[in-house]
Amino acid sequence: MPGKLKTKWIGPFTIVVLRANGAVELQGRDSNSKSFLVNSHRVKLLRNSSELCVVEEISLRMPALSSI
């Protein structure tokens, strides 16, 4: 049975509904994609790394050579 351990779904997904029994309804990025239910323990949060850090850009100039 090749491919048995291969994951059947690859994200990222949007959480549509959180159910009281611990189920989570997910939908893909595409608005045409069908939503499906999974156990909340199988869902991992995605944190966009660009939102977590602030980058400050500093321009550096070559020092002027002075004649001594």
PDB file of N, CA and C in Angstrom:
ATOM      1  N   MET A   1       0.829  -1.185   0.000  1.00  0.00           N
ATOM      2  CA  MET A   1       0.000   0.000   0.000  1.00  0.00           C
ATOM      3  C   MET A   1       0.873   1.248   0.000  1.00  0.00           C
ATOM      4  N   PRO A   2       1.429   1.625  -1.120  1.00  0.00           N
ATOM      5  CA  PRO A   2       2.259   2.831  -1.151  1.00  0.00           C
ATOM      6  C   PRO A   2       1.418   4.082  -0.926  1.00  0.00           C
ATOM      7  N   GLY A   3       2.001   5.020  -0.212  1.00  0.00           N
ATOM      8  CA  GLY A   3       1.324   6.294   0.028  1.00  0.00           C
ATOM      9  C   GLY A   3       0.367   6.275   1.200  1.00  0.00           C
ATOM     10  N   LYS A   4       0.377   5.206   1.986  1.00  0.00           N
ATOM     11  CA  LYS A   4      -0.559   5.122   3.097  1.00  0.00           C
ATOM     12  C   LYS A   4      -0.280   6.189   4.152  1.00  0.00           C
ATOM     13  N   LEU A   5       0.984   6.512   4.383  1.00  0.00           N
ATOM     14  CA  LEU A   5       1.329   7.498   5.401  1.00  0.00           C
ATOM     15  C   LEU A   5       1.324   8.924   4.870  1.00  0.00           C
ATOM     16  N   LYS A   6       1.056   9.091   3.594  1.00  0.00           N
ATOM     17  CA  LYS A   6       1.025  10.427   3.001  1.00  0.00           C
ATOM     18  C   LYS A   6      -0.202  11.190   3.503  1.00  0.00           C
ATOM     19  N   THR A   7      -0.015  12.457   3.829  1.00  0.00           N
ATOM     20  CA  THR A   7      -1.123  13.265   4.310  1.00  0.00           C
ATOM     21  C   THR A   7      -2.158  13.473   3.208  1.00  0.00           C
ATOM     22  N   LYS A   8      -3.409  13.512   3.599  1.00  0.00           N
ATOM     23  CA  LYS A   8      -4.487  13.657   2.626  1.00  0.00           C
ATOM     24  C   LYS A   8      -4.879  15.114   2.416  1.00  0.00           C
ATOM     25  N   TRP A   9      -4.387  15.995   3.259  1.00  0.00           N
ATOM     26  CA  TRP A   9      -4.701  17.410   3.091  1.00  0.00           C
ATOM     27  C   TRP A   9      -3.497  18.254   3.455  1.00  0.00           C
ATOM     28  N   ILE A  10      -3.264  19.269   2.634  1.00  0.00           N
ATOM     29  CA  ILE A  10      -2.140  20.184   2.803  1.00  0.00           C
ATOM     30  C   ILE A  10      -2.705  21.598   2.838  1.00  0.00           C
ATOM     31  N   GLY A  11      -2.292  22.403   3.808  1.00  0.00           N
ATOM     32  CA  GLY A  11      -2.873  23.724   4.036  1.00  0.00           C
ATOM     33  C   GLY A  11      -2.122  24.830   3.368  1.00  0.00           C
ATOM     34  N   PRO A  12      -2.319  26.017   3.756  1.00  0.00           N
ATOM     35  CA  PRO A  12      -3.070  26.474   4.920  1.00  0.00           C
ATOM     36  C   PRO A  12      -4.575  26.515   4.661  1.00  0.00           C
ATOM     37  N   PHE A  13      -5.339  26.451   5.752  1.00  0.00           N
ATOM     38  CA  PHE A  13      -6.789  26.473   5.697  1.00  0.00           C
ATOM     39  C   PHE A  13      -7.310  27.574   6.606  1.00  0.00           C
ATOM     40  N   THR A  14      -8.546  27.968   6.383  1.00  0.00           N
ATOM     41  CA  THR A  14      -9.230  28.944   7.221  1.00  0.00           C
ATOM     42  C   THR A  14     -10.224  28.203   8.097  1.00  0.00           C
ATOM     43  N   ILE A  15     -10.276  28.548   9.377  1.00  0.00           N
ATOM     44  CA  ILE A  15     -11.253  27.941  10.282  1.00  0.00           C
ATOM     45  C   ILE A  15     -12.595  28.606  10.030  1.00  0.00           C
ATOM     46  N   VAL A  16     -13.591  27.790   9.691  1.00  0.00           N
ATOM     47  CA  VAL A  16     -14.935  28.291   9.405  1.00  0.00           C
ATOM     48  C   VAL A  16     -15.776  28.258  10.671  1.00  0.00           C
ATOM     49  N   VAL A  17     -15.779  27.100  11.362  1.00  0.00           N
ATOM     50  CA  VAL A  17     -16.604  26.925  12.560  1.00  0.00           C
ATOM     51  C   VAL A  17     -15.838  26.091  13.582  1.00  0.00           C
ATOM     52  N   LEU A  18     -15.915  26.496  14.851  1.00  0.00           N
ATOM     53  CA  LEU A  18     -15.421  25.680  15.966  1.00  0.00           C
ATOM     54  C   LEU A  18     -16.635  25.040  16.626  1.00  0.00           C
ATOM     55  N   ARG A  19     -16.678  23.726  16.682  1.00  0.00           N
ATOM     56  CA  ARG A  19     -17.818  23.010  17.253  1.00  0.00           C
ATOM     57  C   ARG A  19     -17.566  22.727  18.730  1.00  0.00           C
ATOM     58  N   ALA A  20     -18.642  22.545  19.489  1.00  0.00           N
ATOM     59  CA  ALA A  20     -18.541  22.297  20.928  1.00  0.00           C
ATOM     60  C   ALA A  20     -17.891  20.951  21.238  1.00  0.00           C
ATOM     61  N   ASN A  21     -17.998  19.985  20.325  1.00  0.00           N
ATOM     62  CA  ASN A  21     -17.441  18.653  20.570  1.00  0.00           C
ATOM     63  C   ASN A  21     -15.956  18.568  20.241  1.00  0.00           C
ATOM     64  N   GLY A  22     -15.322  19.678  19.875  1.00  0.00           N
ATOM     65  CA  GLY A  22     -13.900  19.693  19.576  1.00  0.00           C
ATOM     66  C   GLY A  22     -13.578  19.568  18.105  1.00  0.00           C
ATOM     67  N   ALA A  23     -14.595  19.493  17.269  1.00  0.00           N
ATOM     68  CA  ALA A  23     -14.369  19.419  15.826  1.00  0.00           C
ATOM     69  C   ALA A  23     -14.172  20.823  15.270  1.00  0.00           C
ATOM     70  N   VAL A  24     -13.391  20.906  14.208  1.00  0.00           N
ATOM     71  CA  VAL A  24     -13.116  22.180  13.546  1.00  0.00           C
ATOM     72  C   VAL A  24     -13.483  22.025  12.079  1.00  0.00           C
ATOM     73  N   GLU A  25     -14.246  22.973  11.561  1.00  0.00           N
ATOM     74  CA  GLU A  25     -14.578  22.958  10.137  1.00  0.00           C
ATOM     75  C   GLU A  25     -13.583  23.859   9.419  1.00  0.00           C
ATOM     76  N   LEU A  26     -12.862  23.293   8.457  1.00  0.00           N
ATOM     77  CA  LEU A  26     -11.828  24.002   7.715  1.00  0.00           C
ATOM     78  C   LEU A  26     -12.232  24.175   6.265  1.00  0.00           C
ATOM     79  N   GLN A  27     -11.737  25.258   5.670  1.00  0.00           N
ATOM     80  CA  GLN A  27     -11.934  25.492   4.243  1.00  0.00           C
ATOM     81  C   GLN A  27     -10.622  25.995   3.671  1.00  0.00           C
ATOM     82  N   GLY A  28     -10.298  25.573   2.454  1.00  0.00           N
ATOM     83  CA  GLY A  28      -9.068  25.978   1.798  1.00  0.00           C
ATOM     84  C   GLY A  28      -9.081  27.443   1.421  1.00  0.00           C
ATOM     85  N   ARG A  29      -7.960  27.924   0.899  1.00  0.00           N
ATOM     86  CA  ARG A  29      -7.859  29.326   0.488  1.00  0.00           C
ATOM     87  C   ARG A  29      -8.846  29.664  -0.617  1.00  0.00           C
ATOM     88  N   ASP A  30      -9.066  28.694  -1.487  1.00  0.00           N
ATOM     89  CA  ASP A  30      -9.951  28.898  -2.621  1.00  0.00           C
ATOM     90  C   ASP A  30     -11.396  28.928  -2.127  1.00  0.00           C
ATOM     91  N   SER A  31     -12.176  29.928  -2.523  1.00  0.00           N
ATOM     92  CA  SER A  31     -13.564  30.031  -2.072  1.00  0.00           C
ATOM     93  C   SER A  31     -14.428  28.909  -2.638  1.00  0.00           C
ATOM     94  N   ASN A  32     -13.976  28.259  -3.706  1.00  0.00           N
ATOM     95  CA  ASN A  32     -14.726  27.154  -4.300  1.00  0.00           C
ATOM     96  C   ASN A  32     -14.452  25.827  -3.606  1.00  0.00           C
ATOM     97  N   SER A  33     -13.454  25.776  -2.733  1.00  0.00           N
ATOM     98  CA  SER A  33     -13.091  24.515  -2.086  1.00  0.00           C
ATOM     99  C   SER A  33     -14.153  24.124  -1.060  1.00  0.00           C
ATOM    100  N   LYS A  34     -14.348  22.830  -0.931  1.00  0.00           N
ATOM    101  CA  LYS A  34     -15.344  22.291  -0.020  1.00  0.00           C
ATOM    102  C   LYS A  34     -14.784  22.273   1.400  1.00  0.00           C
ATOM    103  N   SER A  35     -15.592  22.651   2.381  1.00  0.00           N
ATOM    104  CA  SER A  35     -15.144  22.614   3.774  1.00  0.00           C
ATOM    105  C   SER A  35     -15.250  21.183   4.303  1.00  0.00           C
ATOM    106  N   PHE A  36     -14.442  20.863   5.325  1.00  0.00           N
ATOM    107  CA  PHE A  36     -14.454  19.526   5.907  1.00  0.00           C
ATOM    108  C   PHE A  36     -14.160  19.614   7.394  1.00  0.00           C
ATOM    109  N   LEU A  37     -14.558  18.582   8.131  1.00  0.00           N
ATOM    110  CA  LEU A  37     -14.392  18.544   9.578  1.00  0.00           C
ATOM    111  C   LEU A  37     -13.167  17.731   9.967  1.00  0.00           C
ATOM    112  N   VAL A  38     -12.428  18.235  10.950  1.00  0.00           N
ATOM    113  CA  VAL A  38     -11.298  17.506  11.526  1.00  0.00           C
ATOM    114  C   VAL A  38     -11.323  17.699  13.038  1.00  0.00           C
ATOM    115  N   ASN A  39     -10.619  16.838  13.738  1.00  0.00           N
ATOM    116  CA  ASN A  39     -10.476  16.974  15.173  1.00  0.00           C
ATOM    117  C   ASN A  39      -9.557  18.160  15.458  1.00  0.00           C
ATOM    118  N   SER A  40      -9.868  18.936  16.485  1.00  0.00           N
ATOM    119  CA  SER A  40      -9.082  20.138  16.790  1.00  0.00           C
ATOM    120  C   SER A  40      -7.639  19.808  17.165  1.00  0.00           C
ATOM    121  N   HIS A  41      -7.363  18.578  17.610  1.00  0.00           N
ATOM    122  CA  HIS A  41      -5.996  18.187  17.957  1.00  0.00           C
ATOM    123  C   HIS A  41      -5.113  18.041  16.728  1.00  0.00           C
ATOM    124  N   ARG A  42      -5.707  17.917  15.547  1.00  0.00           N
ATOM    125  CA  ARG A  42      -4.937  17.743  14.322  1.00  0.00           C
ATOM    126  C   ARG A  42      -4.619  19.067  13.641  1.00  0.00           C
ATOM    127  N   VAL A  43      -5.105  20.175  14.196  1.00  0.00           N
ATOM    128  CA  VAL A  43      -4.920  21.492  13.585  1.00  0.00           C
ATOM    129  C   VAL A  43      -3.747  22.196  14.253  1.00  0.00           C
ATOM    130  N   LYS A  44      -2.846  22.741  13.442  1.00  0.00           N
ATOM    131  CA  LYS A  44      -1.720  23.524  13.950  1.00  0.00           C
ATOM    132  C   LYS A  44      -1.918  24.972  13.540  1.00  0.00           C
ATOM    133  N   LEU A  45      -1.606  25.880  14.437  1.00  0.00           N
ATOM    134  CA  LEU A  45      -1.734  27.297  14.138  1.00  0.00           C
ATOM    135  C   LEU A  45      -0.594  27.756  13.244  1.00  0.00           C
ATOM    136  N   LEU A  46      -0.913  28.633  12.332  1.00  0.00           N
ATOM    137  CA  LEU A  46       0.094  29.212  11.446  1.00  0.00           C
ATOM    138  C   LEU A  46       0.284  30.659  11.849  1.00  0.00           C
ATOM    139  N   ARG A  47       1.501  31.007  12.147  1.00  0.00           N
ATOM    140  CA  ARG A  47       1.820  32.401  12.455  1.00  0.00           C
ATOM    141  C   ARG A  47       2.717  32.914  11.360  1.00  0.00           C
ATOM    142  N   ASN A  48       2.294  33.976  10.737  1.00  0.00           N
ATOM    143  CA  ASN A  48       3.069  34.565   9.653  1.00  0.00           C
ATOM    144  C   ASN A  48       4.289  35.250  10.250  1.00  0.00           C
ATOM    145  N   SER A  49       5.468  34.826   9.865  1.00  0.00           N
ATOM    146  CA  SER A  49       6.697  35.367  10.452  1.00  0.00           C
ATOM    147  C   SER A  49       6.899  36.836  10.107  1.00  0.00           C
ATOM    148  N   SER A  50       6.317  37.312   9.010  1.00  0.00           N
ATOM    149  CA  SER A  50       6.484  38.719   8.661  1.00  0.00           C
ATOM    150  C   SER A  50       5.722  39.623   9.624  1.00  0.00           C
ATOM    151  N   GLU A  51       4.707  39.090  10.296  1.00  0.00           N
ATOM    152  CA  GLU A  51       3.953  39.878  11.260  1.00  0.00           C
ATOM    153  C   GLU A  51       4.615  39.883  12.634  1.00  0.00           C
ATOM    154  N   LEU A  52       5.514  38.953  12.884  1.00  0.00           N
ATOM    155  CA  LEU A  52       6.108  38.817  14.205  1.00  0.00           C
ATOM    156  C   LEU A  52       7.299  39.726  14.442  1.00  0.00           C
ATOM    157  N   CYS A  53       7.981  40.163  13.391  1.00  0.00           N
ATOM    158  CA  CYS A  53       9.162  40.979  13.599  1.00  0.00           C
ATOM    159  C   CYS A  53       9.086  42.252  12.755  1.00  0.00           C
ATOM    160  N   VAL A  54       9.706  43.284  13.260  1.00  0.00           N
ATOM    161  CA  VAL A  54       9.766  44.559  12.559  1.00  0.00           C
ATOM    162  C   VAL A  54      11.196  44.745  12.080  1.00  0.00           C
ATOM    163  N   VAL A  55      11.353  45.057  10.821  1.00  0.00           N
ATOM    164  CA  VAL A  55      12.680  45.245  10.245  1.00  0.00           C
ATOM    165  C   VAL A  55      12.889  46.729  10.000  1.00  0.00           C
ATOM    166  N   GLU A  56      13.994  47.249  10.513  1.00  0.00           N
ATOM    167  CA  GLU A  56      14.329  48.651  10.293  1.00  0.00           C
ATOM    168  C   GLU A  56      15.533  48.707   9.368  1.00  0.00           C
ATOM    169  N   GLU A  57      15.419  49.488   8.323  1.00  0.00           N
ATOM    170  CA  GLU A  57      16.497  49.589   7.345  1.00  0.00           C
ATOM    171  C   GLU A  57      17.305  50.852   7.608  1.00  0.00           C
ATOM    172  N   ILE A  58      18.617  50.701   7.680  1.00  0.00           N
ATOM    173  CA  ILE A  58      19.525  51.824   7.899  1.00  0.00           C
ATOM    174  C   ILE A  58      20.506  51.858   6.742  1.00  0.00           C
ATOM    175  N   SER A  59      20.575  52.996   6.065  1.00  0.00           N
ATOM    176  CA  SER A  59      21.521  53.093   4.953  1.00  0.00           C
ATOM    177  C   SER A  59      22.884  53.543   5.486  1.00  0.00           C
ATOM    178  N   LEU A  60      23.918  52.896   5.019  1.00  0.00           N
ATOM    179  CA  LEU A  60      25.278  53.200   5.454  1.00  0.00           C
ATOM    180  C   LEU A  60      26.037  53.852   4.310  1.00  0.00           C
ATOM    181  N   ARG A  61      26.857  54.843   4.654  1.00  0.00           N
ATOM    182  CA  ARG A  61      27.685  55.519   3.652  1.00  0.00           C
ATOM    183  C   ARG A  61      29.141  55.223   3.921  1.00  0.00           C
ATOM    184  N   MET A  62      29.916  55.217   2.868  1.00  0.00           N
ATOM    185  CA  MET A  62      31.355  55.025   3.019  1.00  0.00           C
ATOM    186  C   MET A  62      31.937  56.268   3.684  1.00  0.00           C
ATOM    187  N   PRO A  63      32.860  56.115   4.638  1.00  0.00           N
ATOM    188  CA  PRO A  63      33.447  57.286   5.291  1.00  0.00           C
ATOM    189  C   PRO A  63      34.310  58.072   4.301  1.00  0.00           C
ATOM    190  N   ALA A  64      34.287  59.380   4.466  1.00  0.00           N
ATOM    191  CA  ALA A  64      35.107  60.245   3.607  1.00  0.00           C
ATOM    192  C   ALA A  64      36.556  60.177   4.077  1.00  0.00           C
ATOM    193  N   LEU A  65      37.468  60.009   3.139  1.00  0.00           N
ATOM    194  CA  LEU A  65      38.890  59.969   3.481  1.00  0.00           C
ATOM    195  C   LEU A  65      39.416  61.398   3.558  1.00  0.00           C
ATOM    196  N   SER A  66      39.999  61.741   4.682  1.00  0.00           N
ATOM    197  CA  SER A  66      40.543  63.098   4.832  1.00  0.00           C
ATOM    198  C   SER A  66      42.055  63.052   4.650  1.00  0.00           C
ATOM    199  N   SER A  67      42.584  64.066   4.028  1.00  0.00           N
ATOM    200  CA  SER A  67      44.041  64.120   3.833  1.00  0.00           C
ATOM    201  C   SER A  67      44.685  64.683   5.086  1.00  0.00           C
ATOM    202  N   ILE A  68      45.677  64.011   5.594  1.00  0.00           N
ATOM    203  CA  ILE A  68      46.362  64.450   6.812  1.00  0.00           C
ATOM    204  C   ILE A  68      47.666  65.099   6.466  1.00  0.00           C
TER     205      ILE A  68
END
